[in-house]
Amino acid sequence: MTWLNSVRNALPFVHKRETPDNLWHKCRGCGQMVFNKELAENLHVCPRCDHHERIGPTQRFRHLLDEGSCAELPAPQVPEDPLKFRDSKRYTDRLKAARAEHHERDALVNAKGSIGGHPVVMGVQDFAFMGGSMGVAVGEAFVRGVEAAIEAKCPYIVFTASGGARMQEGILSLMQMPRTTVAIQMLHDAGLPYIVVLTDPTSGGVMAAYAMLGDVQIAEPKATLAFTGRRVIENTIREKLPDDFQTSEYYLEHGLIDMVVHRKELKEQLATVIGYLTSTRKAA
């Protein structure tokens, strides 16, 4: 036995420390590693480059609704695979996997609550759930959210995050576009505000359906907002598009949205907008 082995044998045995694999998050904006705890405390905004990370309904409700006021609405029951669709996997299997991973029924979740003391119904799309795609369940959830807002006589606020219509439901997904448009008109007929907060990314059928029909259009900074992809447009018009094309800031500069609001300021801004719109409509 060598002297090195003697020293090793004399030292107490120490177990290798296991490091959790969820301590760090790589920022999609600057590429730097950020402590998950630090990121959560900063409302999932990168403390180094200010990039707004994508978040789901649970975080949105916690950030924006007054403490103790949040009550999630039950998810609507709809036919789950009306076309018996199958590509590399069955559609039903994809739904089961998404539900098991994200603990949500589908890509749009509604909740009742209040913001700055103002009662609201809020719908939040989760891009992590099948790209936030719009199918029958999302369309029905949107309509139910509007109906809940009408019943409570309060605004309906929608946070959009979607890649567009859900291909596995074909024409049925596109039929949600007129349904949601009619629902928004019902909200207007009741004299209630419809507020849209566009988050990264919002595109496709959702952009054409209800994302651009708000009484007030708000967006988070540097969100990708598009009806169709940059490459498709460039190939069609045979021109190079600006680097900031299809961003929140470009939309604001060209008058397509009303404001770009940092996540830290969003609750206060929503409370101000809701207060103004509800008082104005009551006076009218």
C-alpha atoms as a PDB file:
ATOM      1  CA  MET A   1       0.000   0.000   0.000  1.00  0.00           C
ATOM      2  CA  THR A   2       1.428   3.386  -0.994  1.00  0.00           C
ATOM      3  CA  TRP A   3       1.413   6.427   1.319  1.00  0.00           C
ATOM      4  CA  LEU A   4      -1.338   8.033  -0.848  1.00  0.00           C
ATOM      5  CA  ASN A   5      -3.669   5.077  -0.318  1.00  0.00           C
ATOM      6  CA  SER A   6      -2.898   5.206   3.410  1.00  0.00           C
ATOM      7  CA  VAL A   7      -3.966   8.871   3.549  1.00  0.00           C
ATOM      8  CA  ARG A   8      -7.161   8.131   1.572  1.00  0.00           C
ATOM      9  CA  ASN A   9      -8.072   5.293   3.905  1.00  0.00           C
ATOM     10  CA  ALA A  10      -7.492   7.510   6.940  1.00  0.00           C
ATOM     11  CA  LEU A  11      -9.859  10.246   5.697  1.00  0.00           C
ATOM     12  CA  PRO A  12     -13.555   9.953   6.638  1.00  0.00           C
ATOM     13  CA  PHE A  13     -15.800   8.831   3.816  1.00  0.00           C
ATOM     14  CA  VAL A  14     -17.732  11.759   2.350  1.00  0.00           C
ATOM     15  CA  HIS A  15     -20.711  11.220   0.091  1.00  0.00           C
ATOM     16  CA  LYS A  16     -20.742  13.105  -3.167  1.00  0.00           C
ATOM     17  CA  ARG A  17     -23.058  16.075  -2.816  1.00  0.00           C
ATOM     18  CA  GLU A  18     -25.937  15.949  -5.264  1.00  0.00           C
ATOM     19  CA  THR A  19     -26.713  19.296  -6.908  1.00  0.00           C
ATOM     20  CA  PRO A  20     -30.323  19.834  -7.951  1.00  0.00           C
ATOM     21  CA  ASP A  21     -30.703  20.310 -11.700  1.00  0.00           C
ATOM     22  CA  ASN A  22     -33.299  23.066 -11.300  1.00  0.00           C
ATOM     23  CA  LEU A  23     -31.168  25.697  -9.545  1.00  0.00           C
ATOM     24  CA  TRP A  24     -30.303  27.628 -12.688  1.00  0.00           C
ATOM     25  CA  HIS A  25     -32.117  29.018 -15.707  1.00  0.00           C
ATOM     26  CA  LYS A  26     -30.460  30.077 -18.947  1.00  0.00           C
ATOM     27  CA  CYS A  27     -31.893  33.423 -20.051  1.00  0.00           C
ATOM     28  CA  ARG A  28     -33.315  33.342 -23.576  1.00  0.00           C
ATOM     29  CA  GLY A  29     -32.336  36.990 -23.995  1.00  0.00           C
ATOM     30  CA  CYS A  30     -28.685  37.275 -22.955  1.00  0.00           C
ATOM     31  CA  GLY A  31     -27.792  33.604 -22.527  1.00  0.00           C
ATOM     32  CA  GLN A  32     -26.545  34.123 -18.948  1.00  0.00           C
ATOM     33  CA  MET A  33     -27.308  31.670 -16.161  1.00  0.00           C
ATOM     34  CA  VAL A  34     -29.660  33.037 -13.496  1.00  0.00           C
ATOM     35  CA  PHE A  35     -30.664  31.471 -10.181  1.00  0.00           C
ATOM     36  CA  ASN A  36     -34.257  30.241 -10.494  1.00  0.00           C
ATOM     37  CA  LYS A  37     -35.033  31.720  -7.081  1.00  0.00           C
ATOM     38  CA  GLU A  38     -33.682  35.109  -8.138  1.00  0.00           C
ATOM     39  CA  LEU A  39     -35.640  34.914 -11.395  1.00  0.00           C
ATOM     40  CA  ALA A  40     -38.893  34.082  -9.578  1.00  0.00           C
ATOM     41  CA  GLU A  41     -38.390  36.929  -7.118  1.00  0.00           C
ATOM     42  CA  ASN A  42     -37.936  39.253 -10.106  1.00  0.00           C
ATOM     43  CA  LEU A  43     -41.299  38.171 -11.662  1.00  0.00           C
ATOM     44  CA  HIS A  44     -39.444  35.924 -14.142  1.00  0.00           C
ATOM     45  CA  VAL A  45     -37.701  38.911 -15.709  1.00  0.00           C
ATOM     46  CA  CYS A  46     -33.942  38.529 -16.246  1.00  0.00           C
ATOM     47  CA  PRO A  47     -32.147  40.826 -13.758  1.00  0.00           C
ATOM     48  CA  ARG A  48     -29.256  41.239 -16.221  1.00  0.00           C
ATOM     49  CA  CYS A  49     -30.873  42.026 -19.580  1.00  0.00           C
ATOM     50  CA  ASP A  50     -34.539  42.601 -18.585  1.00  0.00           C
ATOM     51  CA  HIS A  51     -35.774  39.812 -20.859  1.00  0.00           C
ATOM     52  CA  HIS A  52     -39.344  38.742 -20.001  1.00  0.00           C
ATOM     53  CA  GLU A  53     -39.471  34.962 -19.740  1.00  0.00           C
ATOM     54  CA  ARG A  54     -42.610  33.051 -20.728  1.00  0.00           C
ATOM     55  CA  ILE A  55     -44.809  32.179 -17.753  1.00  0.00           C
ATOM     56  CA  GLY A  56     -48.099  30.327 -17.292  1.00  0.00           C
ATOM     57  CA  PRO A  57     -51.449  30.953 -15.630  1.00  0.00           C
ATOM     58  CA  THR A  58     -50.347  30.158 -12.065  1.00  0.00           C
ATOM     59  CA  GLN A  59     -47.597  32.777 -12.103  1.00  0.00           C
ATOM     60  CA  ARG A  60     -49.817  35.353 -13.846  1.00  0.00           C
ATOM     61  CA  PHE A  61     -52.582  34.987 -11.285  1.00  0.00           C
ATOM     62  CA  ARG A  62     -50.094  35.202  -8.418  1.00  0.00           C
ATOM     63  CA  HIS A  63     -48.397  38.312  -9.838  1.00  0.00           C
ATOM     64  CA  LEU A  64     -51.505  40.265 -10.786  1.00  0.00           C
ATOM     65  CA  LEU A  65     -54.581  39.299  -8.773  1.00  0.00           C
ATOM     66  CA  ASP A  66     -54.986  40.773  -5.302  1.00  0.00           C
ATOM     67  CA  GLU A  67     -53.960  38.421  -2.533  1.00  0.00           C
ATOM     68  CA  GLY A  68     -56.724  36.041  -1.533  1.00  0.00           C
ATOM     69  CA  SER A  69     -59.000  37.026  -4.426  1.00  0.00           C
ATOM     70  CA  CYS A  70     -58.062  34.379  -7.016  1.00  0.00           C
ATOM     71  CA  ALA A  71     -60.601  31.650  -7.790  1.00  0.00           C
ATOM     72  CA  GLU A  72     -59.958  29.547 -10.889  1.00  0.00           C
ATOM     73  CA  LEU A  73     -62.987  28.787 -13.029  1.00  0.00           C
ATOM     74  CA  PRO A  74     -63.619  25.138 -13.957  1.00  0.00           C
ATOM     75  CA  ALA A  75     -62.314  24.101 -17.352  1.00  0.00           C
ATOM     76  CA  PRO A  76     -65.075  23.390 -19.896  1.00  0.00           C
ATOM     77  CA  GLN A  77     -65.688  19.818 -20.995  1.00  0.00           C
ATOM     78  CA  VAL A  78     -65.495  19.473 -24.786  1.00  0.00           C
ATOM     79  CA  PRO A  79     -64.972  16.616 -27.283  1.00  0.00           C
ATOM     80  CA  GLU A  80     -61.261  15.851 -27.042  1.00  0.00           C
ATOM     81  CA  ASP A  81     -60.473  14.259 -30.395  1.00  0.00           C
ATOM     82  CA  PRO A  82     -63.347  15.039 -32.768  1.00  0.00           C
ATOM     83  CA  LEU A  83     -61.326  14.200 -35.899  1.00  0.00           C
ATOM     84  CA  LYS A  84     -59.530  11.100 -34.493  1.00  0.00           C
ATOM     85  CA  PHE A  85     -56.305  12.773 -35.523  1.00  0.00           C
ATOM     86  CA  ARG A  86     -52.967  11.010 -35.595  1.00  0.00           C
ATOM     87  CA  ASP A  87     -49.548  12.051 -36.850  1.00  0.00           C
ATOM     88  CA  SER A  88     -46.441  10.529 -35.268  1.00  0.00           C
ATOM     89  CA  LYS A  89     -48.583  10.186 -32.120  1.00  0.00           C
ATOM     90  CA  ARG A  90     -52.276  10.087 -31.393  1.00  0.00           C
ATOM     91  CA  TYR A  91     -53.766  13.469 -30.491  1.00  0.00           C
ATOM     92  CA  THR A  92     -55.223  12.007 -27.304  1.00  0.00           C
ATOM     93  CA  ASP A  93     -51.737  10.899 -26.247  1.00  0.00           C
ATOM     94  CA  ARG A  94     -50.362  14.403 -26.824  1.00  0.00           C
ATOM     95  CA  LEU A  95     -53.153  15.848 -24.672  1.00  0.00           C
ATOM     96  CA  LYS A  96     -52.481  13.369 -21.875  1.00  0.00           C
ATOM     97  CA  ALA A  97     -48.753  14.171 -21.923  1.00  0.00           C
ATOM     98  CA  ALA A  98     -49.371  17.941 -21.851  1.00  0.00           C
ATOM     99  CA  ARG A  99     -51.858  17.620 -18.979  1.00  0.00           C
ATOM    100  CA  ALA A 100     -49.529  15.420 -16.971  1.00  0.00           C
ATOM    101  CA  GLU A 101     -46.636  17.852 -17.415  1.00  0.00           C
ATOM    102  CA  HIS A 102     -48.452  21.148 -16.840  1.00  0.00           C
ATOM    103  CA  HIS A 103     -51.404  20.119 -14.626  1.00  0.00           C
ATOM    104  CA  GLU A 104     -53.861  22.117 -16.733  1.00  0.00           C
ATOM    105  CA  ARG A 105     -56.839  20.924 -18.727  1.00  0.00           C
ATOM    106  CA  ASP A 106     -55.899  22.941 -21.816  1.00  0.00           C
ATOM    107  CA  ALA A 107     -54.051  26.037 -23.002  1.00  0.00           C
ATOM    108  CA  LEU A 108     -56.434  28.725 -21.641  1.00  0.00           C
ATOM    109  CA  VAL A 109     -57.232  29.043 -17.935  1.00  0.00           C
ATOM    110  CA  ASN A 110     -59.721  31.532 -16.437  1.00  0.00           C
ATOM    111  CA  ALA A 111     -59.890  32.932 -12.930  1.00  0.00           C
ATOM    112  CA  LYS A 112     -62.023  35.439 -11.050  1.00  0.00           C
ATOM    113  CA  GLY A 113     -60.323  37.945  -8.793  1.00  0.00           C
ATOM    114  CA  SER A 114     -59.536  41.598  -8.396  1.00  0.00           C
ATOM    115  CA  ILE A 115     -56.756  43.965  -9.461  1.00  0.00           C
ATOM    116  CA  GLY A 116     -56.262  46.985  -7.231  1.00  0.00           C
ATOM    117  CA  GLY A 117     -59.688  46.317  -5.768  1.00  0.00           C
ATOM    118  CA  HIS A 118     -61.403  46.185  -9.181  1.00  0.00           C
ATOM    119  CA  PRO A 119     -63.205  42.870  -9.861  1.00  0.00           C
ATOM    120  CA  VAL A 120     -62.053  41.124 -13.039  1.00  0.00           C
ATOM    121  CA  VAL A 121     -62.177  37.839 -14.885  1.00  0.00           C
ATOM    122  CA  MET A 122     -58.766  36.959 -16.313  1.00  0.00           C
ATOM    123  CA  GLY A 123     -57.916  34.407 -18.980  1.00  0.00           C
ATOM    124  CA  VAL A 124     -54.299  33.317 -19.437  1.00  0.00           C
ATOM    125  CA  GLN A 125     -52.924  31.251 -22.306  1.00  0.00           C
ATOM    126  CA  ASP A 126     -50.005  28.950 -21.574  1.00  0.00           C
ATOM    127  CA  PHE A 127     -47.550  28.627 -24.459  1.00  0.00           C
ATOM    128  CA  ALA A 128     -45.995  25.607 -22.750  1.00  0.00           C
ATOM    129  CA  PHE A 129     -49.247  23.669 -23.292  1.00  0.00           C
ATOM    130  CA  MET A 130     -48.995  22.589 -26.944  1.00  0.00           C
ATOM    131  CA  GLY A 131     -47.744  26.007 -27.977  1.00  0.00           C
ATOM    132  CA  GLY A 132     -50.826  27.703 -26.537  1.00  0.00           C
ATOM    133  CA  SER A 133     -52.661  26.527 -29.648  1.00  0.00           C
ATOM    134  CA  MET A 134     -56.326  27.370 -30.090  1.00  0.00           C
ATOM    135  CA  GLY A 135     -58.718  24.433 -30.353  1.00  0.00           C
ATOM    136  CA  VAL A 136     -62.300  23.815 -29.285  1.00  0.00           C
ATOM    137  CA  ALA A 137     -61.321  23.789 -25.589  1.00  0.00           C
ATOM    138  CA  VAL A 138     -59.587  27.176 -25.832  1.00  0.00           C
ATOM    139  CA  GLY A 139     -62.494  28.689 -27.759  1.00  0.00           C
ATOM    140  CA  GLU A 140     -65.000  27.362 -25.235  1.00  0.00           C
ATOM    141  CA  ALA A 141     -62.868  28.581 -22.309  1.00  0.00           C
ATOM    142  CA  PHE A 142     -62.751  32.050 -23.868  1.00  0.00           C
ATOM    143  CA  VAL A 143     -66.534  32.141 -24.255  1.00  0.00           C
ATOM    144  CA  ARG A 144     -67.001  30.914 -20.669  1.00  0.00           C
ATOM    145  CA  GLY A 145     -64.641  33.629 -19.458  1.00  0.00           C
ATOM    146  CA  VAL A 146     -66.679  36.289 -21.253  1.00  0.00           C
ATOM    147  CA  GLU A 147     -69.913  34.882 -19.819  1.00  0.00           C
ATOM    148  CA  ALA A 148     -68.417  34.918 -16.316  1.00  0.00           C
ATOM    149  CA  ALA A 149     -67.365  38.553 -16.779  1.00  0.00           C
ATOM    150  CA  ILE A 150     -70.857  39.503 -17.968  1.00  0.00           C
ATOM    151  CA  GLU A 151     -72.413  37.731 -14.994  1.00  0.00           C
ATOM    152  CA  ALA A 152     -70.029  39.490 -12.585  1.00  0.00           C
ATOM    153  CA  LYS A 153     -70.397  42.812 -14.482  1.00  0.00           C
ATOM    154  CA  CYS A 154     -66.641  43.253 -14.689  1.00  0.00           C
ATOM    155  CA  PRO A 155     -63.919  43.477 -17.390  1.00  0.00           C
ATOM    156  CA  TYR A 156     -62.491  40.434 -19.137  1.00  0.00           C
ATOM    157  CA  ILE A 157     -58.696  40.486 -19.465  1.00  0.00           C
ATOM    158  CA  VAL A 158     -56.894  38.027 -21.726  1.00  0.00           C
ATOM    159  CA  PHE A 159     -53.172  37.288 -21.753  1.00  0.00           C
ATOM    160  CA  THR A 160     -52.378  35.819 -25.157  1.00  0.00           C
ATOM    161  CA  ALA A 161     -49.487  33.439 -25.878  1.00  0.00           C
ATOM    162  CA  SER A 162     -49.996  31.162 -28.835  1.00  0.00           C
ATOM    163  CA  GLY A 163     -48.555  29.726 -32.004  1.00  0.00           C
ATOM    164  CA  GLY A 164     -52.005  29.822 -33.630  1.00  0.00           C
ATOM    165  CA  ALA A 165     -54.782  27.342 -34.368  1.00  0.00           C
ATOM    166  CA  ARG A 166     -54.398  23.708 -33.269  1.00  0.00           C
ATOM    167  CA  MET A 167     -53.771  21.649 -36.382  1.00  0.00           C
ATOM    168  CA  GLN A 168     -55.029  18.423 -34.783  1.00  0.00           C
ATOM    169  CA  GLU A 169     -58.557  19.874 -34.782  1.00  0.00           C
ATOM    170  CA  GLY A 170     -58.536  21.176 -38.355  1.00  0.00           C
ATOM    171  CA  ILE A 171     -61.491  23.336 -39.375  1.00  0.00           C
ATOM    172  CA  LEU A 172     -62.965  23.069 -35.871  1.00  0.00           C
ATOM    173  CA  SER A 173     -60.066  25.121 -34.523  1.00  0.00           C
ATOM    174  CA  LEU A 174     -60.688  27.822 -37.138  1.00  0.00           C
ATOM    175  CA  MET A 175     -64.373  27.897 -36.176  1.00  0.00           C
ATOM    176  CA  GLN A 176     -63.304  29.326 -32.803  1.00  0.00           C
ATOM    177  CA  MET A 177     -62.420  32.615 -34.513  1.00  0.00           C
ATOM    178  CA  PRO A 178     -66.023  33.730 -35.176  1.00  0.00           C
ATOM    179  CA  ARG A 179     -67.133  32.290 -31.807  1.00  0.00           C
ATOM    180  CA  THR A 180     -64.660  34.437 -29.886  1.00  0.00           C
ATOM    181  CA  THR A 181     -65.514  37.502 -31.990  1.00  0.00           C
ATOM    182  CA  VAL A 182     -69.219  37.099 -31.148  1.00  0.00           C
ATOM    183  CA  ALA A 183     -68.321  36.652 -27.468  1.00  0.00           C
ATOM    184  CA  ILE A 184     -66.392  39.946 -27.499  1.00  0.00           C
ATOM    185  CA  GLN A 185     -69.413  41.664 -29.033  1.00  0.00           C
ATOM    186  CA  MET A 186     -71.554  40.238 -26.202  1.00  0.00           C
ATOM    187  CA  LEU A 187     -69.134  41.842 -23.743  1.00  0.00           C
ATOM    188  CA  HIS A 188     -69.423  45.183 -25.544  1.00  0.00           C
ATOM    189  CA  ASP A 189     -73.212  44.936 -25.630  1.00  0.00           C
ATOM    190  CA  ALA A 190     -73.109  44.536 -21.857  1.00  0.00           C
ATOM    191  CA  GLY A 191     -71.029  47.728 -21.602  1.00  0.00           C
ATOM    192  CA  LEU A 192     -67.977  45.956 -20.212  1.00  0.00           C
ATOM    193  CA  PRO A 193     -64.293  46.430 -21.143  1.00  0.00           C
ATOM    194  CA  TYR A 194     -62.256  43.840 -23.005  1.00  0.00           C
ATOM    195  CA  ILE A 195     -58.519  44.218 -22.365  1.00  0.00           C
ATOM    196  CA  VAL A 196     -55.784  42.259 -24.141  1.00  0.00           C
ATOM    197  CA  VAL A 197     -52.210  41.802 -22.920  1.00  0.00           C
ATOM    198  CA  LEU A 198     -50.035  40.424 -25.702  1.00  0.00           C
ATOM    199  CA  THR A 199     -47.128  38.285 -24.506  1.00  0.00           C
ATOM    200  CA  ASP A 200     -44.343  36.397 -26.231  1.00  0.00           C
ATOM    201  CA  PRO A 201     -45.236  34.918 -28.648  1.00  0.00           C
ATOM    202  CA  THR A 202     -48.694  35.678 -30.023  1.00  0.00           C
ATOM    203  CA  SER A 203     -49.309  34.654 -33.621  1.00  0.00           C
ATOM    204  CA  GLY A 204     -51.471  32.933 -36.208  1.00  0.00           C
ATOM    205  CA  GLY A 205     -55.173  32.265 -35.682  1.00  0.00           C
ATOM    206  CA  VAL A 206     -55.188  33.726 -32.166  1.00  0.00           C
ATOM    207  CA  MET A 207     -53.807  36.993 -33.555  1.00  0.00           C
ATOM    208  CA  ALA A 208     -56.631  37.005 -36.099  1.00  0.00           C
ATOM    209  CA  ALA A 209     -59.319  35.860 -33.654  1.00  0.00           C
ATOM    210  CA  TYR A 210     -59.260  37.829 -30.395  1.00  0.00           C
ATOM    211  CA  ALA A 211     -55.745  39.094 -29.703  1.00  0.00           C
ATOM    212  CA  MET A 212     -56.169  42.349 -31.651  1.00  0.00           C
ATOM    213  CA  LEU A 213     -59.779  43.181 -30.741  1.00  0.00           C
ATOM    214  CA  GLY A 214     -59.256  44.688 -27.293  1.00  0.00           C
ATOM    215  CA  ASP A 215     -60.617  48.028 -26.173  1.00  0.00           C
ATOM    216  CA  VAL A 216     -57.074  48.524 -24.894  1.00  0.00           C
ATOM    217  CA  GLN A 217     -54.076  46.666 -26.370  1.00  0.00           C
ATOM    218  CA  ILE A 218     -51.123  46.219 -24.021  1.00  0.00           C
ATOM    219  CA  ALA A 219     -47.953  44.244 -24.725  1.00  0.00           C
ATOM    220  CA  GLU A 220     -44.954  43.095 -22.729  1.00  0.00           C
ATOM    221  CA  PRO A 221     -41.551  44.371 -23.915  1.00  0.00           C
ATOM    222  CA  LYS A 222     -39.923  42.698 -26.921  1.00  0.00           C
ATOM    223  CA  ALA A 223     -42.720  40.160 -27.381  1.00  0.00           C
ATOM    224  CA  THR A 224     -42.964  38.515 -30.805  1.00  0.00           C
ATOM    225  CA  LEU A 225     -46.322  39.449 -32.330  1.00  0.00           C
ATOM    226  CA  ALA A 226     -47.209  38.166 -35.779  1.00  0.00           C
ATOM    227  CA  PHE A 227     -49.978  36.806 -37.934  1.00  0.00           C
ATOM    228  CA  THR A 228     -47.547  34.894 -40.115  1.00  0.00           C
ATOM    229  CA  GLY A 229     -43.805  34.267 -40.144  1.00  0.00           C
ATOM    230  CA  ARG A 230     -41.135  36.705 -41.257  1.00  0.00           C
ATOM    231  CA  ARG A 231     -39.797  34.343 -43.942  1.00  0.00           C
ATOM    232  CA  VAL A 232     -43.247  33.914 -45.517  1.00  0.00           C
ATOM    233  CA  ILE A 233     -43.752  37.678 -45.721  1.00  0.00           C
ATOM    234  CA  GLU A 234     -40.268  38.333 -47.105  1.00  0.00           C
ATOM    235  CA  ASN A 235     -40.712  35.664 -49.788  1.00  0.00           C
ATOM    236  CA  THR A 236     -44.104  37.133 -50.706  1.00  0.00           C
ATOM    237  CA  ILE A 237     -43.129  40.800 -50.967  1.00  0.00           C
ATOM    238  CA  ARG A 238     -39.500  40.041 -51.942  1.00  0.00           C
ATOM    239  CA  GLU A 239     -38.143  42.619 -49.527  1.00  0.00           C
ATOM    240  CA  LYS A 240     -36.027  42.516 -46.391  1.00  0.00           C
ATOM    241  CA  LEU A 241     -38.043  43.379 -43.289  1.00  0.00           C
ATOM    242  CA  PRO A 242     -36.701  45.580 -40.442  1.00  0.00           C
ATOM    243  CA  ASP A 243     -34.869  43.771 -37.630  1.00  0.00           C
ATOM    244  CA  ASP A 244     -37.478  44.833 -35.049  1.00  0.00           C
ATOM    245  CA  PHE A 245     -40.401  43.833 -37.263  1.00  0.00           C
ATOM    246  CA  GLN A 246     -43.114  41.850 -35.402  1.00  0.00           C
ATOM    247  CA  THR A 247     -42.080  43.093 -31.963  1.00  0.00           C
ATOM    248  CA  SER A 248     -44.082  44.969 -29.331  1.00  0.00           C
ATOM    249  CA  GLU A 249     -42.044  48.118 -29.893  1.00  0.00           C
ATOM    250  CA  TYR A 250     -42.624  48.025 -33.679  1.00  0.00           C
ATOM    251  CA  TYR A 251     -46.363  47.584 -33.168  1.00  0.00           C
ATOM    252  CA  LEU A 252     -46.449  50.511 -30.734  1.00  0.00           C
ATOM    253  CA  GLU A 253     -44.486  52.766 -33.070  1.00  0.00           C
ATOM    254  CA  HIS A 254     -46.905  51.999 -35.918  1.00  0.00           C
ATOM    255  CA  GLY A 255     -50.067  52.499 -33.847  1.00  0.00           C
ATOM    256  CA  LEU A 256     -51.203  48.864 -33.672  1.00  0.00           C
ATOM    257  CA  ILE A 257     -51.151  48.678 -29.863  1.00  0.00           C
ATOM    258  CA  ASP A 258     -51.681  51.245 -27.137  1.00  0.00           C
ATOM    259  CA  MET A 259     -48.774  50.669 -24.764  1.00  0.00           C
ATOM    260  CA  VAL A 260     -45.806  48.473 -23.888  1.00  0.00           C
ATOM    261  CA  VAL A 261     -45.665  47.836 -20.149  1.00  0.00           C
ATOM    262  CA  HIS A 262     -42.933  46.214 -18.066  1.00  0.00           C
ATOM    263  CA  ARG A 263     -44.119  43.234 -16.026  1.00  0.00           C
ATOM    264  CA  LYS A 264     -43.259  44.987 -12.762  1.00  0.00           C
ATOM    265  CA  GLU A 265     -45.559  47.882 -13.673  1.00  0.00           C
ATOM    266  CA  LEU A 266     -48.343  45.821 -15.233  1.00  0.00           C
ATOM    267  CA  LYS A 267     -50.601  45.394 -12.193  1.00  0.00           C
ATOM    268  CA  GLU A 268     -50.630  49.117 -11.432  1.00  0.00           C
ATOM    269  CA  GLN A 269     -51.223  49.970 -15.103  1.00  0.00           C
ATOM    270  CA  LEU A 270     -54.085  47.482 -15.408  1.00  0.00           C
ATOM    271  CA  ALA A 271     -55.710  48.876 -12.250  1.00  0.00           C
ATOM    272  CA  THR A 272     -55.504  52.391 -13.727  1.00  0.00           C
ATOM    273  CA  VAL A 273     -56.943  51.317 -17.091  1.00  0.00           C
ATOM    274  CA  ILE A 274     -59.754  49.305 -15.488  1.00  0.00           C
ATOM    275  CA  GLY A 275     -60.638  52.171 -13.181  1.00  0.00           C
ATOM    276  CA  TYR A 276     -60.801  54.590 -16.079  1.00  0.00           C
ATOM    277  CA  LEU A 277     -62.817  52.333 -18.386  1.00  0.00           C
ATOM    278  CA  THR A 278     -65.342  51.218 -15.781  1.00  0.00           C
ATOM    279  CA  SER A 279     -65.946  54.723 -14.462  1.00  0.00           C
ATOM    280  CA  THR A 280     -66.289  56.090 -18.014  1.00  0.00           C
ATOM    281  CA  ARG A 281     -68.786  53.396 -19.040  1.00  0.00           C
ATOM    282  CA  LYS A 282     -70.831  53.826 -15.865  1.00  0.00           C
ATOM    283  CA  ALA A 283     -71.027  57.572 -16.514  1.00  0.00           C
ATOM    284  CA  ALA A 284     -72.104  56.924 -20.124  1.00  0.00           C
END
